[in-house]
């Protein structure tokens, strides 16, 4: 860990947080689609609605603190 490096870019912070949010959103979307596919009865509509989308968006917000931790401690 290099905590003494004071020349860290804020662009890097925003990029890391954005990419972490996107990655968590993709993982959440994939997991809900697989879950919906496994429990889907073909006579009914696909079980994926607003509640699942809101949950995925809530989970993707966790990319912000994760990105900040990666940025502060220089995790690669």
PDB file of N, CA and C in Angstrom:
ATOM      1  N   UNK A   1       0.835  -1.173   0.000  1.00  0.00           N
ATOM      2  CA  UNK A   1       0.000   0.000   0.000  1.00  0.00           C
ATOM      3  C   UNK A   1       0.878   1.233   0.000  1.00  0.00           C
ATOM      4  N   UNK A   2       0.504   2.175  -0.834  1.00  0.00           N
ATOM      5  CA  UNK A   2       1.236   3.430  -0.895  1.00  0.00           C
ATOM      6  C   UNK A   2       0.312   4.554  -0.459  1.00  0.00           C
ATOM      7  N   UNK A   3       0.274   4.824   0.828  1.00  0.00           N
ATOM      8  CA  UNK A   3      -0.599   5.869   1.328  1.00  0.00           C
ATOM      9  C   UNK A   3       0.047   7.242   1.230  1.00  0.00           C
ATOM     10  N   UNK A   4       1.356   7.302   0.918  1.00  0.00           N
ATOM     11  CA  UNK A   4       2.052   8.577   0.863  1.00  0.00           C
ATOM     12  C   UNK A   4       1.960   9.244  -0.507  1.00  0.00           C
ATOM     13  N   UNK A   5       1.376   8.597  -1.477  1.00  0.00           N
ATOM     14  CA  UNK A   5       1.264   9.168  -2.822  1.00  0.00           C
ATOM     15  C   UNK A   5       0.132  10.188  -2.834  1.00  0.00           C
ATOM     16  N   UNK A   6       0.468  11.476  -2.959  1.00  0.00           N
ATOM     17  CA  UNK A   6      -0.550  12.520  -2.906  1.00  0.00           C
ATOM     18  C   UNK A   6      -1.010  12.954  -4.290  1.00  0.00           C
ATOM     19  N   UNK A   7      -0.466  12.384  -5.348  1.00  0.00           N
ATOM     20  CA  UNK A   7      -0.830  12.782  -6.705  1.00  0.00           C
ATOM     21  C   UNK A   7      -1.775  11.761  -7.334  1.00  0.00           C
ATOM     22  N   UNK A   8      -2.892  11.558  -6.704  1.00  0.00           N
ATOM     23  CA  UNK A   8      -3.884  10.647  -7.257  1.00  0.00           C
ATOM     24  C   UNK A   8      -4.913  11.467  -8.007  1.00  0.00           C
ATOM     25  N   UNK A   9      -5.251  11.008  -9.158  1.00  0.00           N
ATOM     26  CA  UNK A   9      -6.169  11.735 -10.026  1.00  0.00           C
ATOM     27  C   UNK A   9      -7.623  11.483  -9.629  1.00  0.00           C
ATOM     28  N   UNK A  10      -8.408  12.551  -9.638  1.00  0.00           N
ATOM     29  CA  UNK A  10      -9.839  12.393  -9.381  1.00  0.00           C
ATOM     30  C   UNK A  10     -10.532  11.726 -10.564  1.00  0.00           C
ATOM     31  N   UNK A  11      -9.956  11.873 -11.756  1.00  0.00           N
ATOM     32  CA  UNK A  11     -10.499  11.162 -12.927  1.00  0.00           C
ATOM     33  C   UNK A  11     -10.381   9.659 -12.732  1.00  0.00           C
ATOM     34  N   UNK A  12      -9.268   9.237 -12.132  1.00  0.00           N
ATOM     35  CA  UNK A  12      -9.097   7.810 -11.859  1.00  0.00           C
ATOM     36  C   UNK A  12     -10.142   7.332 -10.848  1.00  0.00           C
ATOM     37  N   UNK A  13     -10.415   8.167  -9.842  1.00  0.00           N
ATOM     38  CA  UNK A  13     -11.435   7.821  -8.846  1.00  0.00           C
ATOM     39  C   UNK A  13     -12.803   7.665  -9.504  1.00  0.00           C
ATOM     40  N   UNK A  14     -13.172   8.624 -10.331  1.00  0.00           N
ATOM     41  CA  UNK A  14     -14.475   8.546 -11.003  1.00  0.00           C
ATOM     42  C   UNK A  14     -14.533   7.349 -11.952  1.00  0.00           C
ATOM     43  N   UNK A  15     -13.440   7.076 -12.639  1.00  0.00           N
ATOM     44  CA  UNK A  15     -13.405   5.933 -13.550  1.00  0.00           C
ATOM     45  C   UNK A  15     -13.545   4.611 -12.827  1.00  0.00           C
ATOM     46  N   UNK A  16     -12.821   4.471 -11.716  1.00  0.00           N
ATOM     47  CA  UNK A  16     -12.902   3.226 -10.948  1.00  0.00           C
ATOM     48  C   UNK A  16     -14.308   3.039 -10.391  1.00  0.00           C
ATOM     49  N   UNK A  17     -14.891   4.093  -9.824  1.00  0.00           N
ATOM     50  CA  UNK A  17     -16.249   3.983  -9.272  1.00  0.00           C
ATOM     51  C   UNK A  17     -17.259   3.657 -10.365  1.00  0.00           C
ATOM     52  N   UNK A  18     -17.135   4.305 -11.520  1.00  0.00           N
ATOM     53  CA  UNK A  18     -18.055   4.044 -12.628  1.00  0.00           C
ATOM     54  C   UNK A  18     -17.943   2.601 -13.104  1.00  0.00           C
ATOM     55  N   UNK A  19     -16.717   2.128 -13.276  1.00  0.00           N
ATOM     56  CA  UNK A  19     -16.529   0.762 -13.760  1.00  0.00           C
ATOM     57  C   UNK A  19     -16.999  -0.269 -12.737  1.00  0.00           C
ATOM     58  N   UNK A  20     -16.808   0.017 -11.450  1.00  0.00           N
ATOM     59  CA  UNK A  20     -17.305  -0.907 -10.424  1.00  0.00           C
ATOM     60  C   UNK A  20     -18.835  -0.951 -10.435  1.00  0.00           C
ATOM     61  N   UNK A  21     -19.475   0.202 -10.614  1.00  0.00           N
ATOM     62  CA  UNK A  21     -20.945   0.238 -10.685  1.00  0.00           C
ATOM     63  C   UNK A  21     -21.454  -0.550 -11.892  1.00  0.00           C
ATOM     64  N   UNK A  22     -20.803  -0.367 -13.027  1.00  0.00           N
ATOM     65  CA  UNK A  22     -21.213  -1.085 -14.237  1.00  0.00           C
ATOM     66  C   UNK A  22     -21.009  -2.591 -14.062  1.00  0.00           C
ATOM     67  N   UNK A  23     -19.874  -2.987 -13.477  1.00  0.00           N
ATOM     68  CA  UNK A  23     -19.608  -4.412 -13.270  1.00  0.00           C
ATOM     69  C   UNK A  23     -20.643  -5.036 -12.338  1.00  0.00           C
ATOM     70  N   UNK A  24     -20.964  -4.352 -11.244  1.00  0.00           N
ATOM     71  CA  UNK A  24     -21.975  -4.885 -10.327  1.00  0.00           C
ATOM     72  C   UNK A  24     -23.361  -4.938 -10.970  1.00  0.00           C
ATOM     73  N   UNK A  25     -23.646  -3.973 -11.839  1.00  0.00           N
ATOM     74  CA  UNK A  25     -24.936  -3.984 -12.535  1.00  0.00           C
ATOM     75  C   UNK A  25     -25.021  -5.171 -13.493  1.00  0.00           C
ATOM     76  N   UNK A  26     -23.954  -5.447 -14.205  1.00  0.00           N
ATOM     77  CA  UNK A  26     -23.945  -6.581 -15.139  1.00  0.00           C
ATOM     78  C   UNK A  26     -24.069  -7.900 -14.387  1.00  0.00           C
ATOM     79  N   UNK A  27     -23.337  -8.030 -13.281  1.00  0.00           N
ATOM     80  CA  UNK A  27     -23.411  -9.261 -12.486  1.00  0.00           C
ATOM     81  C   UNK A  27     -24.821  -9.447 -11.920  1.00  0.00           C
ATOM     82  N   UNK A  28     -25.408  -8.375 -11.398  1.00  0.00           N
ATOM     83  CA  UNK A  28     -26.769  -8.462 -10.859  1.00  0.00           C
ATOM     84  C   UNK A  28     -27.785  -8.799 -11.923  1.00  0.00           C
ATOM     85  N   UNK A  29     -27.676  -8.162 -13.078  1.00  0.00           N
ATOM     86  CA  UNK A  29     -28.603  -8.441 -14.174  1.00  0.00           C
ATOM     87  C   UNK A  29     -28.493  -9.893 -14.625  1.00  0.00           C
ATOM     88  N   UNK A  30     -27.280 -10.376 -14.772  1.00  0.00           N
ATOM     89  CA  UNK A  30     -27.072 -11.762 -15.188  1.00  0.00           C
ATOM     90  C   UNK A  30     -27.652 -12.734 -14.161  1.00  0.00           C
ATOM     91  N   UNK A  31     -27.423 -12.461 -12.869  1.00  0.00           N
ATOM     92  CA  UNK A  31     -27.924 -13.385 -11.844  1.00  0.00           C
ATOM     93  C   UNK A  31     -29.449 -13.405 -11.807  1.00  0.00           C
ATOM     94  N   UNK A  32     -30.087 -12.226 -11.959  1.00  0.00           N
ATOM     95  CA  UNK A  32     -31.552 -12.207 -11.963  1.00  0.00           C
ATOM     96  C   UNK A  32     -32.118 -12.860 -13.217  1.00  0.00           C
ATOM     97  N   UNK A  33     -31.449 -12.701 -14.353  1.00  0.00           N
ATOM     98  CA  UNK A  33     -31.932 -13.366 -15.564  1.00  0.00           C
ATOM     99  C   UNK A  33     -31.804 -14.876 -15.462  1.00  0.00           C
ATOM    100  N   UNK A  34     -30.706 -15.355 -14.877  1.00  0.00           N
ATOM    101  CA  UNK A  34     -30.543 -16.806 -14.701  1.00  0.00           C
ATOM    102  C   UNK A  34     -31.588 -17.335 -13.724  1.00  0.00           C
ATOM    103  N   UNK A  35     -31.812 -16.600 -12.625  1.00  0.00           N
ATOM    104  CA  UNK A  35     -32.825 -17.024 -11.661  1.00  0.00           C
ATOM    105  C   UNK A  35     -34.215 -17.050 -12.309  1.00  0.00           C
ATOM    106  N   UNK A  36     -34.534 -16.016 -13.082  1.00  0.00           N
ATOM    107  CA  UNK A  36     -35.824 -15.973 -13.755  1.00  0.00           C
ATOM    108  C   UNK A  36     -35.981 -17.080 -14.775  1.00  0.00           C
ATOM    109  N   UNK A  37     -34.898 -17.391 -15.463  1.00  0.00           N
ATOM    110  CA  UNK A  37     -34.952 -18.463 -16.459  1.00  0.00           C
ATOM    111  C   UNK A  37     -35.170 -19.812 -15.797  1.00  0.00           C
ATOM    112  N   UNK A  38     -34.561 -20.021 -14.630  1.00  0.00           N
ATOM    113  CA  UNK A  38     -34.684 -21.311 -13.951  1.00  0.00           C
ATOM    114  C   UNK A  38     -36.079 -21.534 -13.374  1.00  0.00           C
ATOM    115  N   UNK A  39     -36.777 -20.472 -12.949  1.00  0.00           N
ATOM    116  CA  UNK A  39     -38.092 -20.661 -12.328  1.00  0.00           C
ATOM    117  C   UNK A  39     -39.234 -20.327 -13.274  1.00  0.00           C
ATOM    118  N   UNK A  40     -38.926 -20.052 -14.520  1.00  0.00           N
ATOM    119  CA  UNK A  40     -39.931 -19.595 -15.470  1.00  0.00           C
ATOM    120  C   UNK A  40     -40.848 -20.728 -15.893  1.00  0.00           C
ATOM    121  N   UNK A  41     -42.149 -20.501 -15.752  1.00  0.00           N
ATOM    122  CA  UNK A  41     -43.164 -21.389 -16.299  1.00  0.00           C
ATOM    123  C   UNK A  41     -43.541 -20.805 -17.663  1.00  0.00           C
ATOM    124  N   UNK A  42     -43.419 -21.596 -18.715  1.00  0.00           N
ATOM    125  CA  UNK A  42     -43.573 -21.088 -20.077  1.00  0.00           C
ATOM    126  C   UNK A  42     -44.972 -20.574 -20.393  1.00  0.00           C
ATOM    127  N   UNK A  43     -45.941 -20.919 -19.569  1.00  0.00           N
ATOM    128  CA  UNK A  43     -47.307 -20.447 -19.803  1.00  0.00           C
ATOM    129  C   UNK A  43     -47.536 -19.044 -19.241  1.00  0.00           C
ATOM    130  N   UNK A  44     -46.591 -18.532 -18.447  1.00  0.00           N
ATOM    131  CA  UNK A  44     -46.718 -17.213 -17.817  1.00  0.00           C
ATOM    132  C   UNK A  44     -45.644 -16.273 -18.375  1.00  0.00           C
ATOM    133  N   UNK A  45     -45.811 -14.957 -18.191  1.00  0.00           N
ATOM    134  CA  UNK A  45     -44.765 -14.032 -18.645  1.00  0.00           C
ATOM    135  C   UNK A  45     -43.480 -14.196 -17.839  1.00  0.00           C
ATOM    136  N   UNK A  46     -42.393 -13.704 -18.403  1.00  0.00           N
ATOM    137  CA  UNK A  46     -41.082 -13.849 -17.762  1.00  0.00           C
ATOM    138  C   UNK A  46     -41.062 -13.114 -16.422  1.00  0.00           C
ATOM    139  N   UNK A  47     -40.599 -13.754 -15.338  1.00  0.00           N
ATOM    140  CA  UNK A  47     -40.663 -13.157 -13.987  1.00  0.00           C
ATOM    141  C   UNK A  47     -39.537 -12.156 -13.742  1.00  0.00           C
ATOM    142  N   UNK A  48     -39.594 -11.009 -14.369  1.00  0.00           N
ATOM    143  CA  UNK A  48     -38.570  -9.982 -14.195  1.00  0.00           C
ATOM    144  C   UNK A  48     -39.263  -8.638 -14.298  1.00  0.00           C
ATOM    145  N   UNK A  49     -39.321  -7.906 -13.199  1.00  0.00           N
ATOM    146  CA  UNK A  49     -40.095  -6.674 -13.189  1.00  0.00           C
ATOM    147  C   UNK A  49     -39.340  -5.500 -12.597  1.00  0.00           C
ATOM    148  N   UNK A  50     -40.116  -4.499 -12.182  1.00  0.00           N
ATOM    149  CA  UNK A  50     -39.533  -3.268 -11.646  1.00  0.00           C
ATOM    150  C   UNK A  50     -38.775  -3.507 -10.351  1.00  0.00           C
ATOM    151  N   UNK A  51     -39.265  -4.408  -9.516  1.00  0.00           N
ATOM    152  CA  UNK A  51     -38.611  -4.665  -8.236  1.00  0.00           C
ATOM    153  C   UNK A  51     -37.195  -5.195  -8.437  1.00  0.00           C
ATOM    154  N   UNK A  52     -37.011  -6.076  -9.403  1.00  0.00           N
ATOM    155  CA  UNK A  52     -35.690  -6.618  -9.671  1.00  0.00           C
ATOM    156  C   UNK A  52     -34.752  -5.545 -10.212  1.00  0.00           C
ATOM    157  N   UNK A  53     -35.269  -4.671 -11.071  1.00  0.00           N
ATOM    158  CA  UNK A  53     -34.431  -3.597 -11.628  1.00  0.00           C
ATOM    159  C   UNK A  53     -34.001  -2.638 -10.529  1.00  0.00           C
ATOM    160  N   UNK A  54     -34.911  -2.303  -9.623  1.00  0.00           N
ATOM    161  CA  UNK A  54     -34.569  -1.420  -8.503  1.00  0.00           C
ATOM    162  C   UNK A  54     -33.530  -2.077  -7.607  1.00  0.00           C
ATOM    163  N   UNK A  55     -33.659  -3.372  -7.350  1.00  0.00           N
ATOM    164  CA  UNK A  55     -32.673  -4.086  -6.537  1.00  0.00           C
ATOM    165  C   UNK A  55     -31.306  -4.088  -7.203  1.00  0.00           C
ATOM    166  N   UNK A  56     -31.252  -4.297  -8.510  1.00  0.00           N
ATOM    167  CA  UNK A  56     -29.986  -4.288  -9.235  1.00  0.00           C
ATOM    168  C   UNK A  56     -29.344  -2.904  -9.155  1.00  0.00           C
ATOM    169  N   UNK A  57     -30.136  -1.847  -9.282  1.00  0.00           N
ATOM    170  CA  UNK A  57     -29.592  -0.493  -9.185  1.00  0.00           C
ATOM    171  C   UNK A  57     -29.080  -0.187  -7.776  1.00  0.00           C
ATOM    172  N   UNK A  58     -29.776  -0.687  -6.761  1.00  0.00           N
ATOM    173  CA  UNK A  58     -29.305  -0.501  -5.383  1.00  0.00           C
ATOM    174  C   UNK A  58     -27.975  -1.214  -5.163  1.00  0.00           C
ATOM    175  N   UNK A  59     -27.850  -2.409  -5.694  1.00  0.00           N
ATOM    176  CA  UNK A  59     -26.600  -3.158  -5.549  1.00  0.00           C
ATOM    177  C   UNK A  59     -25.471  -2.478  -6.319  1.00  0.00           C
ATOM    178  N   UNK A  60     -25.781  -1.904  -7.472  1.00  0.00           N
ATOM    179  CA  UNK A  60     -24.728  -1.274  -8.271  1.00  0.00           C
ATOM    180  C   UNK A  60     -24.174  -0.023  -7.601  1.00  0.00           C
ATOM    181  N   UNK A  61     -24.935   0.601  -6.698  1.00  0.00           N
ATOM    182  CA  UNK A  61     -24.440   1.779  -5.974  1.00  0.00           C
ATOM    183  C   UNK A  61     -23.289   1.393  -5.039  1.00  0.00           C
ATOM    184  N   UNK A  62     -23.189   0.124  -4.671  1.00  0.00           N
ATOM    185  CA  UNK A  62     -22.073  -0.330  -3.840  1.00  0.00           C
ATOM    186  C   UNK A  62     -20.726  -0.206  -4.555  1.00  0.00           C
ATOM    187  N   UNK A  63     -20.752   0.048  -5.855  1.00  0.00           N
ATOM    188  CA  UNK A  63     -19.511   0.272  -6.586  1.00  0.00           C
ATOM    189  C   UNK A  63     -18.817   1.556  -6.177  1.00  0.00           C
ATOM    190  N   UNK A  64     -19.570   2.531  -5.676  1.00  0.00           N
ATOM    191  CA  UNK A  64     -18.967   3.797  -5.236  1.00  0.00           C
ATOM    192  C   UNK A  64     -18.021   3.602  -4.050  1.00  0.00           C
ATOM    193  N   UNK A  65     -18.460   3.011  -2.934  1.00  0.00           N
ATOM    194  CA  UNK A  65     -17.500   2.823  -1.838  1.00  0.00           C
ATOM    195  C   UNK A  65     -16.384   1.838  -2.196  1.00  0.00           C
ATOM    196  N   UNK A  66     -16.694   0.836  -3.002  1.00  0.00           N
ATOM    197  CA  UNK A  66     -15.651  -0.109  -3.411  1.00  0.00           C
ATOM    198  C   UNK A  66     -14.597   0.598  -4.260  1.00  0.00           C
ATOM    199  N   UNK A  67     -15.023   1.462  -5.171  1.00  0.00           N
ATOM    200  CA  UNK A  67     -14.084   2.215  -5.993  1.00  0.00           C
ATOM    201  C   UNK A  67     -13.232   3.157  -5.170  1.00  0.00           C
ATOM    202  N   UNK A  68     -13.837   3.786  -4.159  1.00  0.00           N
ATOM    203  CA  UNK A  68     -13.072   4.692  -3.286  1.00  0.00           C
ATOM    204  C   UNK A  68     -12.016   3.921  -2.510  1.00  0.00           C
ATOM    205  N   UNK A  69     -12.372   2.745  -1.998  1.00  0.00           N
ATOM    206  CA  UNK A  69     -11.395   1.919  -1.275  1.00  0.00           C
ATOM    207  C   UNK A  69     -10.257   1.504  -2.202  1.00  0.00           C
ATOM    208  N   UNK A  70     -10.582   1.087  -3.421  1.00  0.00           N
ATOM    209  CA  UNK A  70      -9.538   0.713  -4.380  1.00  0.00           C
ATOM    210  C   UNK A  70      -8.635   1.902  -4.700  1.00  0.00           C
ATOM    211  N   UNK A  71      -9.216   3.088  -4.795  1.00  0.00           N
ATOM    212  CA  UNK A  71      -8.453   4.284  -5.144  1.00  0.00           C
ATOM    213  C   UNK A  71      -7.545   4.725  -4.003  1.00  0.00           C
ATOM    214  N   UNK A  72      -8.064   4.699  -2.770  1.00  0.00           N
ATOM    215  CA  UNK A  72      -7.273   5.149  -1.618  1.00  0.00           C
ATOM    216  C   UNK A  72      -6.100   4.233  -1.355  1.00  0.00           C
ATOM    217  N   UNK A  73      -6.335   2.923  -1.365  1.00  0.00           N
ATOM    218  CA  UNK A  73      -5.292   1.987  -1.009  1.00  0.00           C
ATOM    219  C   UNK A  73      -4.470   1.511  -2.200  1.00  0.00           C
ATOM    220  N   UNK A  74      -4.766   1.961  -3.375  1.00  0.00           N
ATOM    221  CA  UNK A  74      -3.979   1.610  -4.552  1.00  0.00           C
ATOM    222  C   UNK A  74      -4.023   0.142  -4.898  1.00  0.00           C
ATOM    223  N   UNK A  75      -5.179  -0.493  -4.769  1.00  0.00           N
ATOM    224  CA  UNK A  75      -5.321  -1.908  -5.055  1.00  0.00           C
ATOM    225  C   UNK A  75      -5.350  -2.091  -6.557  1.00  0.00           C
ATOM    226  N   UNK A  76      -4.554  -3.034  -7.049  1.00  0.00           N
ATOM    227  CA  UNK A  76      -4.517  -3.296  -8.503  1.00  0.00           C
ATOM    228  C   UNK A  76      -4.802  -4.736  -8.786  1.00  0.00           C
TER     229      UNK A  76
END
